């Protein structure tokens, strides 16, 4: 008796479904949407322009505050100052555009019915989510890191004119710039996970903004000792540690904060994966 080996190549006339082809398909969908480039342009504008503007305003404020017989000295005004964080503060507005884009990456397909075509072409389903994570996460990390670098260089140029700036070789500066790209990527993946889990654009955006913006406000209602312990483990405060070089006693370090923030994104994606596998499109 002989044994025949059968290779699964899909239906006649169709190429086999591979992860690389699924990723290529998701890249085509990603780059062809107008909302993609509008959201990315808004994020770049917020990160770069606001970062430079905040840096210039802070430098001017410190100079004005050190004038007068009873004014604090220049050294007192800059004590505990984090010049790197000042130039990267535009990322906190850019995160909203990136988070919304992450939601739209999947809820747009549910609203138009395109998700049925995607799942028909890739019946195992899981590769659809993984391909979106790879395409979206990779693009946002690269663009976010570039935006962080430009914002840092422009912001430090404004701060240097008032003897406040630091260089990219300063302790923690390069790590914070890369952390800016990671911060935006994780916000976007958190939004993508919410989109997969909820499937509604409005509901997913509301959930995302609730996690990022509302939870820290609610934590402020707690007693101070509780707030100090709880707040550092919330998504936004944990994520901010990625772009901070001067840490306080009640904040997480860059590594710990990054891991906490990543855990939120992974949890959202895991829930989204479970919903994708168990529910009909």
Protein backbone atom coordinates (compact mmCIF):
# COMPACT_ATOMS: atom_id res chain seq x y z
CA UNK A 1 0.00 0.00 0.00
CA UNK A 2 1.31 3.42 -0.89
CA UNK A 3 0.72 6.65 0.96
CA UNK A 4 -0.21 9.74 -1.00
CA UNK A 5 0.73 13.17 0.29
CA UNK A 6 -1.82 15.85 -0.53
CA UNK A 7 -0.83 19.51 -0.39
CA UNK A 8 -3.61 21.98 0.39
CA UNK A 9 -3.40 24.79 -2.09
CA UNK A 10 -6.93 26.17 -1.78
CA UNK A 11 -9.68 26.22 -4.40
CA UNK A 12 -8.75 25.82 -8.05
CA UNK A 13 -7.61 29.12 -9.50
CA UNK A 14 -6.87 30.56 -6.05
CA UNK A 15 -3.52 30.94 -4.34
CA UNK A 16 -2.97 29.45 -0.91
CA UNK A 17 -3.63 31.75 2.03
CA UNK A 18 -0.39 32.63 3.79
CA UNK A 19 0.37 35.12 6.53
CA UNK A 20 2.48 37.24 4.20
CA UNK A 21 -0.41 37.54 1.74
CA UNK A 22 -2.81 38.46 4.53
CA UNK A 23 -0.39 41.16 5.73
CA UNK A 24 -0.03 42.45 2.16
CA UNK A 25 -3.82 42.60 1.85
CA UNK A 26 -4.12 44.54 5.11
CA UNK A 27 -1.41 46.95 3.95
CA UNK A 28 -3.36 47.66 0.75
CA UNK A 29 -6.51 48.37 2.77
CA UNK A 30 -4.60 50.49 5.27
CA UNK A 31 -2.91 52.77 2.72
CA UNK A 32 -5.99 53.13 0.50
CA UNK A 33 -8.22 54.69 3.20
CA UNK A 34 -8.41 58.47 3.32
CA UNK A 35 -8.99 58.38 7.08
CA UNK A 36 -5.56 56.76 7.48
CA UNK A 37 -3.63 59.71 6.13
CA UNK A 38 -5.88 62.33 7.71
CA UNK A 39 -5.39 60.77 11.14
CA UNK A 40 -1.64 60.35 10.63
CA UNK A 41 -1.31 63.96 9.45
CA UNK A 42 -3.24 65.16 12.51
CA UNK A 43 -1.03 63.07 14.81
CA UNK A 44 2.16 64.38 13.20
CA UNK A 45 0.97 67.98 13.45
CA UNK A 46 0.03 67.60 17.11
CA UNK A 47 3.25 65.81 18.07
CA UNK A 48 5.68 68.10 16.26
CA UNK A 49 4.08 71.55 16.22
CA UNK A 50 2.67 71.42 19.73
CA UNK A 51 5.89 69.94 21.10
CA UNK A 52 7.92 72.83 19.72
CA UNK A 53 5.30 75.37 20.83
CA UNK A 54 5.18 74.01 24.39
CA UNK A 55 8.97 74.10 24.58
CA UNK A 56 9.14 77.73 23.42
CA UNK A 57 6.39 78.80 25.82
CA UNK A 58 8.00 77.02 28.78
CA UNK A 59 11.39 78.61 28.07
CA UNK A 60 9.81 82.06 27.80
CA UNK A 61 7.86 81.55 31.02
CA UNK A 62 10.96 80.54 32.96
CA UNK A 63 12.85 83.61 31.72
CA UNK A 64 10.01 85.91 32.72
CA UNK A 65 9.58 84.21 36.10
CA UNK A 66 13.22 84.75 37.05
CA UNK A 67 12.99 88.54 36.69
CA UNK A 68 12.50 90.79 39.73
CA UNK A 69 14.05 91.21 43.19
CA UNK A 70 11.80 88.61 44.83
CA UNK A 71 11.57 86.22 41.90
CA UNK A 72 12.95 82.68 42.26
CA UNK A 73 16.32 82.05 40.73
CA UNK A 74 16.78 80.36 37.37
CA UNK A 75 18.12 77.25 39.13
CA UNK A 76 15.03 77.05 41.35
CA UNK A 77 12.68 77.36 38.37
CA UNK A 78 14.29 74.50 36.47
CA UNK A 79 14.66 72.17 39.46
CA UNK A 80 13.01 68.85 38.60
CA UNK A 81 12.35 70.01 35.03
CA UNK A 82 12.21 67.33 32.33
CA UNK A 83 13.18 69.07 29.06
CA UNK A 84 12.69 65.89 27.07
CA UNK A 85 9.11 65.44 28.26
CA UNK A 86 8.30 69.09 27.50
CA UNK A 87 9.21 68.65 23.84
CA UNK A 88 7.24 65.38 23.61
CA UNK A 89 4.01 66.63 25.19
CA UNK A 90 2.41 66.95 21.77
CA UNK A 91 2.18 63.15 21.79
CA UNK A 92 -0.60 63.36 24.36
CA UNK A 93 -2.86 64.99 21.78
CA UNK A 94 -1.50 62.89 18.91
CA UNK A 95 -2.59 59.77 20.81
CA UNK A 96 -6.24 60.67 20.24
CA UNK A 97 -5.84 60.65 16.44
CA UNK A 98 -3.86 57.41 16.54
CA UNK A 99 -6.33 55.74 18.90
CA UNK A 100 -9.28 56.67 16.69
CA UNK A 101 -7.42 55.36 13.65
CA UNK A 102 -6.85 52.08 15.45
CA UNK A 103 -10.59 51.77 16.09
CA UNK A 104 -11.47 52.63 12.48
CA UNK A 105 -9.04 49.99 11.19
CA UNK A 106 -11.63 47.33 12.05
CA UNK A 107 -14.97 49.00 12.79
CA UNK A 108 -14.92 50.54 9.32
CA UNK A 109 -14.97 47.02 7.88
CA UNK A 110 -17.88 46.01 10.10
CA UNK A 111 -19.90 49.10 9.15
CA UNK A 112 -19.41 48.52 5.41
CA UNK A 113 -19.69 44.73 5.51
CA UNK A 114 -16.17 44.30 4.11
CA UNK A 115 -15.30 42.13 7.10
CA UNK A 116 -17.34 39.30 5.55
CA UNK A 117 -15.14 39.34 2.47
CA UNK A 118 -12.03 39.41 4.64
CA UNK A 119 -13.17 36.41 6.69
CA UNK A 120 -14.25 34.53 3.59
CA UNK A 121 -10.78 34.97 2.11
CA UNK A 122 -9.11 34.11 5.44
CA UNK A 123 -11.50 31.62 7.08
CA UNK A 124 -9.21 30.90 10.08
CA UNK A 125 -9.91 34.48 11.29
CA UNK A 126 -6.96 34.82 13.68
CA UNK A 127 -4.55 35.87 10.88
CA UNK A 128 -6.86 38.81 10.10
CA UNK A 129 -6.31 40.31 13.55
CA UNK A 130 -2.61 39.44 13.63
CA UNK A 131 -2.06 41.00 10.20
CA UNK A 132 -3.79 44.21 11.26
CA UNK A 133 -1.62 44.33 14.38
CA UNK A 134 1.54 43.84 12.31
CA UNK A 135 0.66 46.46 9.67
CA UNK A 136 -0.86 49.07 11.94
CA UNK A 137 1.58 48.62 14.81
CA UNK A 138 4.61 48.70 12.53
CA UNK A 139 3.55 51.81 10.62
CA UNK A 140 2.54 53.75 13.72
CA UNK A 141 5.76 52.85 15.55
CA UNK A 142 7.91 54.10 12.68
CA UNK A 143 5.89 57.28 12.12
CA UNK A 144 5.56 57.89 15.87
CA UNK A 145 9.31 57.53 16.43
CA UNK A 146 10.07 59.93 13.57
CA UNK A 147 7.54 62.43 14.96
CA UNK A 148 9.07 62.10 18.42
CA UNK A 149 12.56 62.71 17.06
CA UNK A 150 11.51 65.80 15.11
CA UNK A 151 9.55 67.15 18.09
CA UNK A 152 12.51 66.51 20.38
CA UNK A 153 15.03 68.22 18.11
CA UNK A 154 12.75 71.19 17.46
CA UNK A 155 11.73 71.51 21.09
CA UNK A 156 15.28 71.30 22.37
CA UNK A 157 16.35 73.96 19.86
CA UNK A 158 13.76 76.27 21.42
CA UNK A 159 14.87 75.35 24.92
CA UNK A 160 18.58 75.68 24.08
CA UNK A 161 18.06 79.34 23.26
CA UNK A 162 17.27 79.79 26.98
CA UNK A 163 19.95 77.36 28.25
CA UNK A 164 17.40 74.68 29.11
CA UNK A 165 17.77 72.11 26.36
CA UNK A 166 19.41 68.70 26.36
CA UNK A 167 20.95 66.63 23.57
CA UNK A 168 19.90 63.26 22.23
CA UNK A 169 22.91 61.75 24.03
CA UNK A 170 21.67 62.98 27.42
CA UNK A 171 20.63 60.26 29.89
CA UNK A 172 17.25 58.83 28.93
CA UNK A 173 16.68 61.17 25.95
CA UNK A 174 17.10 58.62 23.15
CA UNK A 175 15.09 56.08 25.11
CA UNK A 176 12.27 58.60 25.55
CA UNK A 177 12.23 59.39 21.81
CA UNK A 178 11.88 55.69 20.98
CA UNK A 179 9.39 55.47 23.82
CA UNK A 180 7.30 58.07 22.04
CA UNK A 181 6.94 55.73 19.08
CA UNK A 182 6.07 52.85 21.41
CA UNK A 183 3.55 55.03 23.26
CA UNK A 184 1.63 55.90 20.08
CA UNK A 185 1.82 52.32 18.83
CA UNK A 186 0.36 50.92 22.06
CA UNK A 187 -2.42 53.52 22.10
CA UNK A 188 -3.29 52.54 18.54
CA UNK A 189 -3.27 48.83 19.35
CA UNK A 190 -5.45 49.49 22.39
CA UNK A 191 -7.91 51.20 20.05
CA UNK A 192 -7.66 48.31 17.58
CA UNK A 193 -8.41 45.82 20.35
CA UNK A 194 -11.44 47.87 21.48
CA UNK A 195 -12.65 47.94 17.87
CA UNK A 196 -12.42 44.17 17.51
CA UNK A 197 -14.11 43.61 20.87
CA UNK A 198 -16.97 46.11 20.50
CA UNK A 199 -17.33 46.35 16.70
CA UNK A 200 -19.06 49.73 16.98
CA UNK A 201 -17.06 52.85 16.13
CA UNK A 202 -18.80 55.04 18.70
CA UNK A 203 -18.71 52.42 21.44
CA UNK A 204 -15.05 51.53 20.83
CA UNK A 205 -13.92 55.18 20.78
CA UNK A 206 -15.89 55.88 23.97
CA UNK A 207 -14.28 52.87 25.66
CA UNK A 208 -10.80 53.89 24.50
CA UNK A 209 -11.18 57.47 25.72
CA UNK A 210 -12.67 56.21 28.96
CA UNK A 211 -9.62 54.04 29.61
CA UNK A 212 -7.11 56.72 28.67
CA UNK A 213 -8.72 59.97 29.82
CA UNK A 214 -11.53 59.23 32.28
CA UNK A 215 -9.89 56.67 34.57
CA UNK A 216 -7.14 59.08 35.75
CA UNK A 217 -9.83 61.68 36.56
CA UNK A 218 -11.82 59.15 38.57
CA UNK A 219 -8.67 58.11 40.41
CA UNK A 220 -8.27 61.69 41.65
CA UNK A 221 -11.42 61.21 43.75
CA UNK A 222 -9.61 58.56 45.81
CA UNK A 223 -7.72 59.44 49.00
CA UNK A 224 -4.22 60.69 48.22
CA UNK A 225 -2.46 57.54 49.42
CA UNK A 226 -4.77 55.37 47.31
CA UNK A 227 -4.48 57.63 44.29
CA UNK A 228 -0.67 57.51 44.40
CA UNK A 229 -0.75 53.71 44.38
CA UNK A 230 -3.55 53.24 41.84
CA UNK A 231 -2.87 56.04 39.36
CA UNK A 232 0.55 54.80 38.28
CA UNK A 233 -0.99 51.54 37.03
CA UNK A 234 -3.64 53.21 34.86
CA UNK A 235 -3.04 53.21 31.08
CA UNK A 236 -2.10 56.86 30.49
CA UNK A 237 0.17 57.41 33.54
CA UNK A 238 1.90 54.11 32.78
CA UNK A 239 2.34 55.09 29.15
CA UNK A 240 3.69 58.53 30.04
CA UNK A 241 6.60 56.84 31.81
CA UNK A 242 7.87 55.81 28.36
CA UNK A 243 8.60 59.44 27.45
CA UNK A 244 9.73 60.63 30.89
CA UNK A 245 13.34 60.97 31.99
CA UNK A 246 12.67 62.43 35.46
CA UNK A 247 10.54 60.01 37.48
CA UNK A 248 8.75 60.74 40.75
CA UNK A 249 8.42 58.39 43.72
CA UNK A 250 4.76 57.69 42.85
CA UNK A 251 5.35 56.90 39.16
CA UNK A 252 6.62 53.80 37.43
CA UNK A 253 9.95 53.60 35.65
CA UNK A 254 10.08 53.43 31.87
CA UNK A 255 10.35 49.63 31.68
CA UNK A 256 7.67 48.88 34.26
CA UNK A 257 5.32 51.53 32.87
CA UNK A 258 5.81 50.31 29.34
CA UNK A 259 5.02 46.75 30.36
CA UNK A 260 1.87 47.84 32.20
CA UNK A 261 0.70 49.88 29.22
CA UNK A 262 1.49 47.00 26.86
CA UNK A 263 -0.54 44.68 29.10
CA UNK A 264 -3.63 46.84 28.55
CA UNK A 265 -3.14 46.70 24.78
CA UNK A 266 -2.55 42.94 24.80
CA UNK A 267 -5.63 42.38 26.99
CA UNK A 268 -7.79 44.42 24.61
CA UNK A 269 -6.46 42.48 21.61
CA UNK A 270 -7.00 39.16 23.41
CA UNK A 271 -10.63 40.07 24.11
CA UNK A 272 -10.99 41.19 20.52
CA UNK A 273 -9.55 37.89 19.31
CA UNK A 274 -12.01 35.93 21.47
CA UNK A 275 -14.95 37.92 20.08
CA UNK A 276 -13.68 37.51 16.51
CA UNK A 277 -13.38 33.73 16.88
CA UNK A 278 -16.70 33.17 18.63
CA UNK A 279 -19.12 35.61 17.02
CA UNK A 280 -20.39 35.82 13.47
CA UNK A 281 -19.37 38.84 11.42
